[in-house]
Amino acid sequence: MKNKLFITCICILGCTTLFSQKNTVSAGGNNIGPGGSFSYSVGQINYTFQTNGNENIIEGLQQPYEISVLEIKNFETLSNITVFPNPTTQFVTISVKEFENIEYQLFDTNGRLIQSGKIVNTETTINVSRLPQATFILNIIKNQNINKTYKIIKKD
């Protein structure tokens, strides 16, 4: 009798763990639109792939955000630019040898302009201490052309 009760308890406890959550995620939510609705989570590490005719769904896969710098001919490229420290907590310093007609623009990953200015010395410091912990895009511009792009990581 005791063996049957023990086996029954083990089976019941084993079945309850089958329906538990597999991952701990950092964020998520639900979206509803005219085409349907979906739930999403950020930080999920495993995924499944489903297909139905012309539609494909990849659930749980994190898509990387990559920045590619394309070479554009017929413009002057800047050499000897240093951006430091990266990652940073308070300030980013742009060090250039020549600073004539050079500007900078700092964007968030959504493309919103956070800060911009002219480079008027060989070293220009950008204060990022009030910005949240995130990744930012720093464009160095000469003669109204984006010359170099840097990914800046802000930590707390």
C-alpha atoms as a PDB file:
ATOM      1  CA  MET A   1       0.000   0.000   0.000  1.00  0.00           C
ATOM      2  CA  LYS A   2       2.837   2.401   0.888  1.00  0.00           C
ATOM      3  CA  ASN A   3       4.606   1.656  -2.408  1.00  0.00           C
ATOM      4  CA  LYS A   4       1.472   2.495  -4.449  1.00  0.00           C
ATOM      5  CA  LEU A   5       0.996   5.761  -2.549  1.00  0.00           C
ATOM      6  CA  PHE A   6       4.668   6.682  -3.059  1.00  0.00           C
ATOM      7  CA  ILE A   7       4.532   5.914  -6.805  1.00  0.00           C
ATOM      8  CA  THR A   8       1.283   7.888  -7.158  1.00  0.00           C
ATOM      9  CA  CYS A   9       2.838  10.917  -5.426  1.00  0.00           C
ATOM     10  CA  ILE A  10       5.922  10.739  -7.660  1.00  0.00           C
ATOM     11  CA  CYS A  11       3.732  10.565 -10.793  1.00  0.00           C
ATOM     12  CA  ILE A  12       1.615  13.549  -9.724  1.00  0.00           C
ATOM     13  CA  LEU A  13       4.670  15.672  -8.878  1.00  0.00           C
ATOM     14  CA  GLY A  14       6.368  14.619 -12.111  1.00  0.00           C
ATOM     15  CA  CYS A  15       3.341  15.629 -14.204  1.00  0.00           C
ATOM     16  CA  THR A  16       3.144  19.097 -12.657  1.00  0.00           C
ATOM     17  CA  THR A  17       6.708  19.890 -13.711  1.00  0.00           C
ATOM     18  CA  LEU A  18       5.914  19.077 -17.340  1.00  0.00           C
ATOM     19  CA  PHE A  19       3.936  22.294 -17.684  1.00  0.00           C
ATOM     20  CA  SER A  20       6.376  24.653 -15.965  1.00  0.00           C
ATOM     21  CA  GLN A  21       8.146  27.539 -17.674  1.00  0.00           C
ATOM     22  CA  LYS A  22      11.378  26.616 -19.439  1.00  0.00           C
ATOM     23  CA  ASN A  23      13.102  30.029 -19.435  1.00  0.00           C
ATOM     24  CA  THR A  24      13.432  33.130 -17.364  1.00  0.00           C
ATOM     25  CA  VAL A  25      12.902  36.160 -19.583  1.00  0.00           C
ATOM     26  CA  SER A  26      13.788  39.793 -18.933  1.00  0.00           C
ATOM     27  CA  ALA A  27      10.717  41.411 -20.549  1.00  0.00           C
ATOM     28  CA  GLY A  28       7.714  40.669 -22.724  1.00  0.00           C
ATOM     29  CA  GLY A  29       4.231  41.673 -23.686  1.00  0.00           C
ATOM     30  CA  ASN A  30       1.235  41.258 -25.979  1.00  0.00           C
ATOM     31  CA  ASN A  31       0.433  43.174 -29.168  1.00  0.00           C
ATOM     32  CA  ILE A  32      -2.870  43.320 -31.025  1.00  0.00           C
ATOM     33  CA  GLY A  33      -3.294  44.747 -34.506  1.00  0.00           C
ATOM     34  CA  PRO A  34      -5.564  44.513 -37.554  1.00  0.00           C
ATOM     35  CA  GLY A  35      -3.656  41.438 -38.798  1.00  0.00           C
ATOM     36  CA  GLY A  36      -3.877  39.487 -35.541  1.00  0.00           C
ATOM     37  CA  SER A  37      -2.225  39.329 -32.164  1.00  0.00           C
ATOM     38  CA  PHE A  38       0.977  37.922 -30.722  1.00  0.00           C
ATOM     39  CA  SER A  39       2.868  37.588 -27.481  1.00  0.00           C
ATOM     40  CA  TYR A  40       6.605  38.147 -27.242  1.00  0.00           C
ATOM     41  CA  SER A  41       9.397  37.852 -24.728  1.00  0.00           C
ATOM     42  CA  VAL A  42      12.918  39.261 -24.546  1.00  0.00           C
ATOM     43  CA  GLY A  43      15.691  36.976 -23.426  1.00  0.00           C
ATOM     44  CA  GLN A  44      14.211  33.656 -24.481  1.00  0.00           C
ATOM     45  CA  ILE A  45      17.001  31.340 -25.615  1.00  0.00           C
ATOM     46  CA  ASN A  46      15.266  28.415 -27.307  1.00  0.00           C
ATOM     47  CA  TYR A  47      12.967  28.572 -30.303  1.00  0.00           C
ATOM     48  CA  THR A  48      10.693  26.605 -32.612  1.00  0.00           C
ATOM     49  CA  PHE A  49      10.014  27.044 -36.320  1.00  0.00           C
ATOM     50  CA  GLN A  50       6.524  26.698 -37.788  1.00  0.00           C
ATOM     51  CA  THR A  51       5.396  27.069 -41.386  1.00  0.00           C
ATOM     52  CA  ASN A  52       1.932  27.235 -42.912  1.00  0.00           C
ATOM     53  CA  GLY A  53       1.875  27.793 -46.658  1.00  0.00           C
ATOM     54  CA  ASN A  54       3.422  31.208 -47.320  1.00  0.00           C
ATOM     55  CA  GLU A  55       3.786  32.163 -43.647  1.00  0.00           C
ATOM     56  CA  ASN A  56       6.724  31.351 -41.392  1.00  0.00           C
ATOM     57  CA  ILE A  57       6.892  31.883 -37.648  1.00  0.00           C
ATOM     58  CA  ILE A  58      10.112  31.642 -35.677  1.00  0.00           C
ATOM     59  CA  GLU A  59       9.184  31.676 -32.015  1.00  0.00           C
ATOM     60  CA  GLY A  60      11.690  32.668 -29.372  1.00  0.00           C
ATOM     61  CA  LEU A  61      14.577  33.533 -31.685  1.00  0.00           C
ATOM     62  CA  GLN A  62      16.433  36.725 -30.885  1.00  0.00           C
ATOM     63  CA  GLN A  63      17.267  38.718 -33.997  1.00  0.00           C
ATOM     64  CA  PRO A  64      20.659  40.475 -33.913  1.00  0.00           C
ATOM     65  CA  TYR A  65      21.001  44.161 -34.675  1.00  0.00           C
ATOM     66  CA  GLU A  66      24.010  44.749 -36.885  1.00  0.00           C
ATOM     67  CA  ILE A  67      25.500  47.919 -38.221  1.00  0.00           C
ATOM     68  CA  SER A  68      27.300  47.770 -41.522  1.00  0.00           C
ATOM     69  CA  VAL A  69      29.460  50.590 -42.767  1.00  0.00           C
ATOM     70  CA  LEU A  70      29.347  50.833 -46.542  1.00  0.00           C
ATOM     71  CA  GLU A  71      32.233  52.317 -48.452  1.00  0.00           C
ATOM     72  CA  ILE A  72      31.183  55.429 -50.320  1.00  0.00           C
ATOM     73  CA  LYS A  73      33.588  56.611 -52.974  1.00  0.00           C
ATOM     74  CA  ASN A  74      34.564  60.193 -53.728  1.00  0.00           C
ATOM     75  CA  PHE A  75      34.758  61.506 -50.196  1.00  0.00           C
ATOM     76  CA  GLU A  76      37.588  62.060 -47.808  1.00  0.00           C
ATOM     77  CA  THR A  77      37.961  59.471 -45.058  1.00  0.00           C
ATOM     78  CA  LEU A  78      39.223  60.509 -41.671  1.00  0.00           C
ATOM     79  CA  SER A  79      42.152  58.673 -40.215  1.00  0.00           C
ATOM     80  CA  ASN A  80      43.462  58.562 -36.674  1.00  0.00           C
ATOM     81  CA  ILE A  81      40.112  58.880 -34.911  1.00  0.00           C
ATOM     82  CA  THR A  82      39.929  57.310 -31.480  1.00  0.00           C
ATOM     83  CA  VAL A  83      36.753  56.941 -29.430  1.00  0.00           C
ATOM     84  CA  PHE A  84      37.301  55.895 -25.806  1.00  0.00           C
ATOM     85  CA  PRO A  85      36.473  54.480 -23.293  1.00  0.00           C
ATOM     86  CA  ASN A  86      34.068  51.930 -24.658  1.00  0.00           C
ATOM     87  CA  PRO A  87      32.101  50.626 -22.757  1.00  0.00           C
ATOM     88  CA  THR A  88      31.670  53.776 -20.689  1.00  0.00           C
ATOM     89  CA  THR A  89      29.787  54.974 -17.627  1.00  0.00           C
ATOM     90  CA  GLN A  90      30.076  58.788 -17.736  1.00  0.00           C
ATOM     91  CA  PHE A  91      31.999  60.241 -20.688  1.00  0.00           C
ATOM     92  CA  VAL A  92      33.039  59.338 -24.237  1.00  0.00           C
ATOM     93  CA  THR A  93      36.063  61.105 -25.679  1.00  0.00           C
ATOM     94  CA  ILE A  94      36.545  61.618 -29.429  1.00  0.00           C
ATOM     95  CA  SER A  95      40.189  62.172 -30.306  1.00  0.00           C
ATOM     96  CA  VAL A  96      41.059  63.433 -33.815  1.00  0.00           C
ATOM     97  CA  LYS A  97      44.220  64.837 -35.392  1.00  0.00           C
ATOM     98  CA  GLU A  98      42.459  67.442 -37.535  1.00  0.00           C
ATOM     99  CA  PHE A  99      39.072  68.870 -36.550  1.00  0.00           C
ATOM    100  CA  GLU A 100      38.093  71.174 -39.403  1.00  0.00           C
ATOM    101  CA  ASN A 101      34.431  70.712 -40.511  1.00  0.00           C
ATOM    102  CA  ILE A 102      33.917  67.655 -38.279  1.00  0.00           C
ATOM    103  CA  GLU A 103      30.751  67.007 -36.280  1.00  0.00           C
ATOM    104  CA  TYR A 104      29.353  64.137 -34.223  1.00  0.00           C
ATOM    105  CA  GLN A 105      25.846  62.742 -33.792  1.00  0.00           C
ATOM    106  CA  LEU A 106      24.817  60.314 -31.045  1.00  0.00           C
ATOM    107  CA  PHE A 107      21.729  58.175 -31.760  1.00  0.00           C
ATOM    108  CA  ASP A 108      19.888  55.516 -29.798  1.00  0.00           C
ATOM    109  CA  THR A 109      19.147  52.170 -31.457  1.00  0.00           C
ATOM    110  CA  ASN A 110      15.702  53.434 -32.514  1.00  0.00           C
ATOM    111  CA  GLY A 111      17.357  56.138 -34.632  1.00  0.00           C
ATOM    112  CA  ARG A 112      16.462  59.072 -32.383  1.00  0.00           C
ATOM    113  CA  LEU A 113      19.084  61.808 -32.203  1.00  0.00           C
ATOM    114  CA  ILE A 114      20.268  62.072 -28.589  1.00  0.00           C
ATOM    115  CA  GLN A 115      23.054  64.626 -28.891  1.00  0.00           C
ATOM    116  CA  SER A 116      25.084  66.376 -31.598  1.00  0.00           C
ATOM    117  CA  GLY A 117      27.802  68.956 -31.815  1.00  0.00           C
ATOM    118  CA  LYS A 118      30.891  70.235 -33.582  1.00  0.00           C
ATOM    119  CA  ILE A 119      34.344  68.934 -32.862  1.00  0.00           C
ATOM    120  CA  VAL A 120      36.429  72.058 -32.165  1.00  0.00           C
ATOM    121  CA  ASN A 121      39.492  70.532 -30.433  1.00  0.00           C
ATOM    122  CA  THR A 122      41.671  67.484 -30.893  1.00  0.00           C
ATOM    123  CA  GLU A 123      39.719  65.935 -27.996  1.00  0.00           C
ATOM    124  CA  THR A 124      35.976  66.341 -27.526  1.00  0.00           C
ATOM    125  CA  THR A 125      34.168  64.861 -24.535  1.00  0.00           C
ATOM    126  CA  ILE A 126      30.508  63.771 -24.665  1.00  0.00           C
ATOM    127  CA  ASN A 127      28.705  63.454 -21.325  1.00  0.00           C
ATOM    128  CA  VAL A 128      26.592  60.253 -21.328  1.00  0.00           C
ATOM    129  CA  SER A 129      26.167  59.939 -17.542  1.00  0.00           C
ATOM    130  CA  ARG A 130      22.448  60.831 -17.673  1.00  0.00           C
ATOM    131  CA  LEU A 131      21.678  58.355 -20.465  1.00  0.00           C
ATOM    132  CA  PRO A 132      20.253  54.930 -19.603  1.00  0.00           C
ATOM    133  CA  GLN A 133      22.280  51.762 -19.846  1.00  0.00           C
ATOM    134  CA  ALA A 134      22.052  50.899 -23.547  1.00  0.00           C
ATOM    135  CA  THR A 135      23.865  50.774 -26.861  1.00  0.00           C
ATOM    136  CA  PHE A 136      24.213  53.996 -28.857  1.00  0.00           C
ATOM    137  CA  ILE A 137      25.420  54.844 -32.350  1.00  0.00           C
ATOM    138  CA  LEU A 138      28.033  57.590 -32.764  1.00  0.00           C
ATOM    139  CA  ASN A 139      28.451  59.044 -36.256  1.00  0.00           C
ATOM    140  CA  ILE A 140      31.500  61.142 -37.117  1.00  0.00           C
ATOM    141  CA  ILE A 141      30.595  63.543 -39.932  1.00  0.00           C
ATOM    142  CA  LYS A 142      32.955  65.508 -42.169  1.00  0.00           C
ATOM    143  CA  ASN A 143      31.652  67.935 -44.791  1.00  0.00           C
ATOM    144  CA  GLN A 144      28.064  66.716 -44.212  1.00  0.00           C
ATOM    145  CA  ASN A 145      28.957  63.058 -44.980  1.00  0.00           C
ATOM    146  CA  ILE A 146      28.965  60.271 -42.398  1.00  0.00           C
ATOM    147  CA  ASN A 147      32.595  59.296 -42.283  1.00  0.00           C
ATOM    148  CA  LYS A 148      32.788  56.748 -39.454  1.00  0.00           C
ATOM    149  CA  THR A 149      30.266  54.986 -37.263  1.00  0.00           C
ATOM    150  CA  TYR A 150      30.920  53.616 -33.778  1.00  0.00           C
ATOM    151  CA  LYS A 151      28.801  51.491 -31.460  1.00  0.00           C
ATOM    152  CA  ILE A 152      29.001  52.947 -27.932  1.00  0.00           C
ATOM    153  CA  ILE A 153      27.976  50.815 -24.965  1.00  0.00           C
ATOM    154  CA  LYS A 154      26.768  52.770 -21.910  1.00  0.00           C
ATOM    155  CA  LYS A 155      26.899  50.901 -18.600  1.00  0.00           C
ATOM    156  CA  ASP A 156      25.691  51.991 -15.169  1.00  0.00           C
END
